[in-house]
Amino acid sequence: MYTIKKEFHFSASHQLLQMPAHHPCARLHGHNYVVVIELQSASLNEYGFVRDYLELKAFKEYIDNTLDHRHLNEVLGDANTTAERLAKHLFEWAKARWPEVSAIAVSETPKTWAEYRV
């Protein structure tokens, strides 16, 4: 199986309203997110790629236009905007465009990652 990955960055705020009031994530706060998209294929296309990285420009544009410098609770219409749910949201968006998408990983801090994969 061939695997490629590409990393993207954006900044956004969110608030985990489902958390107890004393939990720090219940307060409005923000992160400098890192997103890694992973694509896999058992074979390569005519150019020797799983998928041309240039085709992933649409993913960058979606992140830049929809998520970057936004409040995720408003964008996603959900009070439960965890990294796990963001990973699933981005996975579903990307998988609808590129069948080779196998995982999306989201980092809120340099030490934490959430991943959604098939």
N, C-alpha and C. Protein backbone atom coordinates (compact mmCIF):
# COMPACT_ATOMS: atom_id res chain seq x y z
N MET A 1 0.85 -1.17 0.00
CA MET A 1 0.00 0.00 0.00
C MET A 1 0.89 1.24 0.00
N TYR A 2 0.61 2.15 -0.91
CA TYR A 2 1.32 3.43 -0.96
C TYR A 2 0.58 4.44 -0.09
N THR A 3 1.31 5.29 0.60
CA THR A 3 0.72 6.31 1.47
C THR A 3 1.41 7.63 1.23
N ILE A 4 0.62 8.69 1.09
CA ILE A 4 1.15 10.05 1.07
C ILE A 4 0.44 10.86 2.14
N LYS A 5 1.11 11.90 2.61
CA LYS A 5 0.54 12.78 3.62
C LYS A 5 0.92 14.21 3.28
N LYS A 6 0.06 15.13 3.68
CA LYS A 6 0.36 16.56 3.51
C LYS A 6 -0.17 17.30 4.72
N GLU A 7 0.60 18.29 5.17
CA GLU A 7 0.27 19.04 6.38
C GLU A 7 -0.26 20.42 6.03
N PHE A 8 -1.26 20.86 6.82
CA PHE A 8 -1.87 22.18 6.65
C PHE A 8 -1.99 22.83 8.03
N HIS A 9 -2.08 24.16 8.05
CA HIS A 9 -2.16 24.90 9.31
C HIS A 9 -3.27 25.94 9.24
N PHE A 10 -3.91 26.17 10.39
CA PHE A 10 -4.86 27.27 10.52
C PHE A 10 -5.02 27.61 11.98
N SER A 11 -5.55 28.79 12.24
CA SER A 11 -5.83 29.25 13.60
C SER A 11 -7.32 29.51 13.73
N ALA A 12 -7.88 29.10 14.86
CA ALA A 12 -9.31 29.29 15.08
C ALA A 12 -9.62 29.22 16.57
N SER A 13 -10.78 29.76 16.92
CA SER A 13 -11.26 29.67 18.30
C SER A 13 -12.36 28.63 18.39
N HIS A 14 -12.60 28.17 19.61
CA HIS A 14 -13.76 27.32 19.87
C HIS A 14 -14.00 27.31 21.37
N GLN A 15 -15.10 26.70 21.73
CA GLN A 15 -15.50 26.59 23.13
C GLN A 15 -16.23 25.27 23.28
N LEU A 16 -15.79 24.46 24.23
CA LEU A 16 -16.43 23.16 24.45
C LEU A 16 -17.52 23.34 25.51
N LEU A 17 -18.70 23.69 25.03
CA LEU A 17 -19.82 24.04 25.91
C LEU A 17 -20.36 22.85 26.69
N GLN A 18 -20.04 21.64 26.26
CA GLN A 18 -20.52 20.45 26.96
C GLN A 18 -19.70 20.14 28.21
N MET A 19 -18.58 20.83 28.38
CA MET A 19 -17.70 20.57 29.52
C MET A 19 -18.21 21.31 30.76
N PRO A 20 -17.87 20.84 31.95
CA PRO A 20 -18.26 21.55 33.18
C PRO A 20 -17.68 22.97 33.17
N ALA A 21 -18.37 23.89 33.78
CA ALA A 21 -17.98 25.31 33.75
C ALA A 21 -16.55 25.52 34.27
N HIS A 22 -16.09 24.69 35.20
CA HIS A 22 -14.75 24.87 35.75
C HIS A 22 -13.63 24.34 34.84
N HIS A 23 -13.98 23.60 33.79
CA HIS A 23 -12.98 23.04 32.88
C HIS A 23 -12.43 24.15 31.98
N PRO A 24 -11.12 24.24 31.80
CA PRO A 24 -10.56 25.33 30.99
C PRO A 24 -11.06 25.34 29.54
N CYS A 25 -11.40 24.18 28.99
CA CYS A 25 -11.87 24.13 27.61
C CYS A 25 -13.30 24.63 27.45
N ALA A 26 -14.01 24.83 28.56
CA ALA A 26 -15.35 25.40 28.50
C ALA A 26 -15.30 26.89 28.19
N ARG A 27 -14.14 27.50 28.48
CA ARG A 27 -13.97 28.92 28.18
C ARG A 27 -13.61 29.10 26.71
N LEU A 28 -13.94 30.25 26.17
CA LEU A 28 -13.56 30.59 24.81
C LEU A 28 -12.03 30.61 24.73
N HIS A 29 -11.48 29.89 23.76
CA HIS A 29 -10.03 29.84 23.58
C HIS A 29 -9.72 29.47 22.13
N GLY A 30 -8.46 29.53 21.77
CA GLY A 30 -8.09 29.23 20.40
C GLY A 30 -6.87 28.35 20.32
N HIS A 31 -6.62 27.85 19.11
CA HIS A 31 -5.48 26.99 18.84
C HIS A 31 -4.87 27.35 17.49
N ASN A 32 -3.61 27.02 17.35
CA ASN A 32 -2.95 27.00 16.05
C ASN A 32 -2.96 25.54 15.61
N TYR A 33 -3.97 25.20 14.83
CA TYR A 33 -4.20 23.81 14.44
C TYR A 33 -3.22 23.35 13.37
N VAL A 34 -2.88 22.07 13.44
CA VAL A 34 -2.14 21.39 12.38
C VAL A 34 -3.03 20.24 11.92
N VAL A 35 -3.21 20.13 10.62
CA VAL A 35 -4.03 19.07 10.03
C VAL A 35 -3.16 18.29 9.06
N VAL A 36 -3.20 16.96 9.17
CA VAL A 36 -2.48 16.11 8.23
C VAL A 36 -3.51 15.24 7.52
N ILE A 37 -3.50 15.33 6.20
CA ILE A 37 -4.36 14.47 5.39
C ILE A 37 -3.50 13.31 4.89
N GLU A 38 -4.07 12.11 4.95
CA GLU A 38 -3.37 10.90 4.49
C GLU A 38 -4.20 10.26 3.39
N LEU A 39 -3.52 9.87 2.31
CA LEU A 39 -4.16 9.17 1.20
C LEU A 39 -3.40 7.88 0.94
N GLN A 40 -4.13 6.80 0.62
CA GLN A 40 -3.51 5.50 0.37
C GLN A 40 -4.08 4.87 -0.89
N SER A 41 -3.21 4.11 -1.56
CA SER A 41 -3.65 3.37 -2.75
C SER A 41 -2.73 2.17 -2.94
N ALA A 42 -3.31 1.09 -3.40
CA ALA A 42 -2.53 -0.11 -3.70
C ALA A 42 -1.75 0.04 -5.00
N SER A 43 -2.15 1.01 -5.82
CA SER A 43 -1.47 1.23 -7.09
C SER A 43 -1.25 2.72 -7.30
N LEU A 44 -0.37 3.03 -8.23
CA LEU A 44 -0.06 4.42 -8.55
C LEU A 44 -0.71 4.81 -9.87
N ASN A 45 -0.98 6.10 -10.03
CA ASN A 45 -1.58 6.55 -11.29
C ASN A 45 -0.53 6.59 -12.40
N GLU A 46 -0.91 7.05 -13.55
CA GLU A 46 -0.02 7.03 -14.72
C GLU A 46 1.25 7.85 -14.52
N TYR A 47 1.25 8.78 -13.54
CA TYR A 47 2.41 9.63 -13.27
C TYR A 47 3.26 9.10 -12.12
N GLY A 48 2.84 8.00 -11.52
CA GLY A 48 3.57 7.42 -10.41
C GLY A 48 3.19 7.99 -9.05
N PHE A 49 1.99 8.60 -8.97
CA PHE A 49 1.49 9.20 -7.73
C PHE A 49 0.31 8.42 -7.17
N VAL A 50 0.14 8.48 -5.85
CA VAL A 50 -1.14 8.11 -5.25
C VAL A 50 -2.17 9.15 -5.69
N ARG A 51 -1.79 10.40 -5.54
CA ARG A 51 -2.60 11.55 -5.97
C ARG A 51 -1.62 12.72 -6.08
N ASP A 52 -1.72 13.53 -7.10
CA ASP A 52 -0.86 14.69 -7.26
C ASP A 52 -1.13 15.67 -6.11
N TYR A 53 -0.08 16.06 -5.39
CA TYR A 53 -0.25 17.00 -4.27
C TYR A 53 -0.94 18.30 -4.71
N LEU A 54 -0.75 18.69 -5.96
CA LEU A 54 -1.40 19.91 -6.44
C LEU A 54 -2.93 19.82 -6.36
N GLU A 55 -3.46 18.61 -6.47
CA GLU A 55 -4.91 18.44 -6.39
C GLU A 55 -5.44 18.74 -4.99
N LEU A 56 -4.57 18.68 -3.98
CA LEU A 56 -5.00 18.93 -2.61
C LEU A 56 -5.11 20.43 -2.31
N LYS A 57 -4.88 21.25 -3.31
CA LYS A 57 -5.05 22.70 -3.15
C LYS A 57 -6.47 23.03 -2.70
N ALA A 58 -7.45 22.26 -3.16
CA ALA A 58 -8.84 22.49 -2.76
C ALA A 58 -9.03 22.30 -1.26
N PHE A 59 -8.28 21.37 -0.67
CA PHE A 59 -8.34 21.14 0.79
C PHE A 59 -7.79 22.36 1.52
N LYS A 60 -6.67 22.89 1.06
CA LYS A 60 -6.09 24.09 1.64
C LYS A 60 -7.07 25.26 1.53
N GLU A 61 -7.68 25.41 0.37
CA GLU A 61 -8.64 26.50 0.17
C GLU A 61 -9.84 26.36 1.10
N TYR A 62 -10.32 25.13 1.29
CA TYR A 62 -11.43 24.91 2.22
C TYR A 62 -11.04 25.32 3.63
N ILE A 63 -9.87 24.89 4.06
CA ILE A 63 -9.39 25.25 5.40
C ILE A 63 -9.24 26.76 5.52
N ASP A 64 -8.58 27.38 4.54
CA ASP A 64 -8.34 28.82 4.60
C ASP A 64 -9.63 29.63 4.57
N ASN A 65 -10.56 29.23 3.73
CA ASN A 65 -11.79 30.01 3.54
C ASN A 65 -12.88 29.71 4.56
N THR A 66 -12.86 28.52 5.15
CA THR A 66 -13.95 28.10 6.03
C THR A 66 -13.56 28.06 7.50
N LEU A 67 -12.32 27.69 7.80
CA LEU A 67 -11.93 27.46 9.20
C LEU A 67 -10.95 28.49 9.75
N ASP A 68 -10.04 28.98 8.92
CA ASP A 68 -8.97 29.84 9.42
C ASP A 68 -9.51 31.17 9.95
N HIS A 69 -9.08 31.51 11.17
CA HIS A 69 -9.48 32.73 11.87
C HIS A 69 -11.00 32.84 11.99
N ARG A 70 -11.63 31.72 12.31
CA ARG A 70 -13.08 31.64 12.54
C ARG A 70 -13.33 31.06 13.92
N HIS A 71 -14.58 31.13 14.33
CA HIS A 71 -15.02 30.49 15.57
C HIS A 71 -15.68 29.17 15.17
N LEU A 72 -15.05 28.06 15.51
CA LEU A 72 -15.48 26.76 15.01
C LEU A 72 -16.90 26.39 15.43
N ASN A 73 -17.35 26.87 16.59
CA ASN A 73 -18.72 26.58 17.00
C ASN A 73 -19.72 27.14 16.00
N GLU A 74 -19.41 28.29 15.43
CA GLU A 74 -20.29 28.89 14.43
C GLU A 74 -20.16 28.19 13.08
N VAL A 75 -18.94 27.86 12.69
CA VAL A 75 -18.71 27.22 11.39
C VAL A 75 -19.33 25.83 11.34
N LEU A 76 -19.10 25.05 12.38
CA LEU A 76 -19.57 23.66 12.39
C LEU A 76 -20.98 23.52 12.95
N GLY A 77 -21.53 24.61 13.49
CA GLY A 77 -22.88 24.57 14.02
C GLY A 77 -23.04 23.58 15.14
N ASP A 78 -22.03 23.47 16.00
CA ASP A 78 -22.03 22.45 17.03
C ASP A 78 -21.30 22.98 18.24
N ALA A 79 -21.83 22.73 19.40
CA ALA A 79 -21.18 23.15 20.63
C ALA A 79 -20.06 22.20 21.02
N ASN A 80 -19.97 21.06 20.38
CA ASN A 80 -18.98 20.03 20.73
C ASN A 80 -17.89 19.98 19.65
N THR A 81 -17.07 21.02 19.59
CA THR A 81 -16.08 21.16 18.53
C THR A 81 -14.71 20.62 18.96
N THR A 82 -14.68 19.36 19.33
CA THR A 82 -13.43 18.73 19.73
C THR A 82 -12.56 18.47 18.51
N ALA A 83 -11.29 18.19 18.75
CA ALA A 83 -10.38 17.84 17.66
C ALA A 83 -10.85 16.57 16.96
N GLU A 84 -11.43 15.65 17.73
CA GLU A 84 -11.94 14.41 17.15
C GLU A 84 -13.06 14.69 16.14
N ARG A 85 -13.97 15.57 16.51
CA ARG A 85 -15.08 15.90 15.60
C ARG A 85 -14.61 16.71 14.40
N LEU A 86 -13.63 17.57 14.62
CA LEU A 86 -13.05 18.32 13.51
C LEU A 86 -12.36 17.38 12.53
N ALA A 87 -11.64 16.39 13.04
CA ALA A 87 -10.99 15.40 12.18
C ALA A 87 -12.02 14.66 11.32
N LYS A 88 -13.14 14.27 11.92
CA LYS A 88 -14.18 13.57 11.16
C LYS A 88 -14.80 14.49 10.11
N HIS A 89 -15.06 15.74 10.48
CA HIS A 89 -15.63 16.71 9.53
C HIS A 89 -14.71 16.86 8.32
N LEU A 90 -13.42 17.05 8.56
CA LEU A 90 -12.47 17.22 7.47
C LEU A 90 -12.31 15.94 6.66
N PHE A 91 -12.35 14.79 7.32
CA PHE A 91 -12.29 13.51 6.62
C PHE A 91 -13.45 13.38 5.65
N GLU A 92 -14.66 13.65 6.11
CA GLU A 92 -15.84 13.51 5.25
C GLU A 92 -15.78 14.47 4.06
N TRP A 93 -15.31 15.69 4.30
CA TRP A 93 -15.18 16.67 3.22
C TRP A 93 -14.19 16.16 2.17
N ALA A 94 -13.03 15.69 2.62
CA ALA A 94 -11.97 15.25 1.71
C ALA A 94 -12.32 13.93 1.02
N LYS A 95 -12.90 13.00 1.74
CA LYS A 95 -13.23 11.67 1.18
C LYS A 95 -14.25 11.80 0.04
N ALA A 96 -15.13 12.79 0.14
CA ALA A 96 -16.12 13.01 -0.92
C ALA A 96 -15.46 13.46 -2.22
N ARG A 97 -14.24 13.96 -2.14
CA ARG A 97 -13.54 14.46 -3.31
C ARG A 97 -12.47 13.50 -3.83
N TRP A 98 -11.81 12.80 -2.90
CA TRP A 98 -10.70 11.93 -3.25
C TRP A 98 -10.88 10.58 -2.56
N PRO A 99 -11.18 9.54 -3.30
CA PRO A 99 -11.45 8.24 -2.68
C PRO A 99 -10.25 7.63 -1.96
N GLU A 100 -9.05 8.12 -2.24
CA GLU A 100 -7.85 7.57 -1.60
C GLU A 100 -7.66 8.07 -0.16
N VAL A 101 -8.46 9.03 0.27
CA VAL A 101 -8.29 9.57 1.63
C VAL A 101 -8.52 8.44 2.63
N SER A 102 -7.54 8.26 3.52
CA SER A 102 -7.63 7.18 4.51
C SER A 102 -7.64 7.69 5.94
N ALA A 103 -7.19 8.93 6.17
CA ALA A 103 -7.18 9.46 7.53
C ALA A 103 -6.98 10.97 7.51
N ILE A 104 -7.49 11.59 8.57
CA ILE A 104 -7.21 12.99 8.87
C ILE A 104 -6.79 13.04 10.32
N ALA A 105 -5.67 13.70 10.59
CA ALA A 105 -5.20 13.91 11.96
C ALA A 105 -5.23 15.41 12.24
N VAL A 106 -5.65 15.76 13.45
CA VAL A 106 -5.75 17.16 13.86
C VAL A 106 -5.00 17.33 15.18
N SER A 107 -4.15 18.35 15.21
CA SER A 107 -3.41 18.69 16.43
C SER A 107 -3.84 20.07 16.89
N GLU A 108 -4.16 20.18 18.18
CA GLU A 108 -4.47 21.48 18.78
C GLU A 108 -3.24 22.06 19.48
N THR A 109 -2.37 21.19 19.93
CA THR A 109 -1.13 21.60 20.60
C THR A 109 -0.01 20.69 20.10
N PRO A 110 1.24 21.08 20.29
CA PRO A 110 2.33 20.23 19.81
C PRO A 110 2.35 18.82 20.42
N LYS A 111 1.63 18.62 21.52
CA LYS A 111 1.67 17.32 22.19
C LYS A 111 0.39 16.51 22.06
N THR A 112 -0.62 17.04 21.36
CA THR A 112 -1.90 16.32 21.29
C THR A 112 -2.36 16.15 19.84
N TRP A 113 -2.89 14.96 19.55
CA TRP A 113 -3.40 14.64 18.21
C TRP A 113 -4.69 13.84 18.33
N ALA A 114 -5.61 14.11 17.42
CA ALA A 114 -6.82 13.29 17.26
C ALA A 114 -6.84 12.86 15.79
N GLU A 115 -7.31 11.64 15.54
CA GLU A 115 -7.31 11.12 14.19
C GLU A 115 -8.63 10.43 13.88
N TYR A 116 -9.10 10.63 12.65
CA TYR A 116 -10.26 9.89 12.15
C TYR A 116 -9.79 9.16 10.90
N ARG A 117 -10.01 7.84 10.88
CA ARG A 117 -9.57 7.04 9.73
C ARG A 117 -10.59 5.94 9.44
N VAL A 118 -10.51 5.44 8.21
CA VAL A 118 -11.37 4.32 7.81
C VAL A 118 -10.74 3.04 8.27
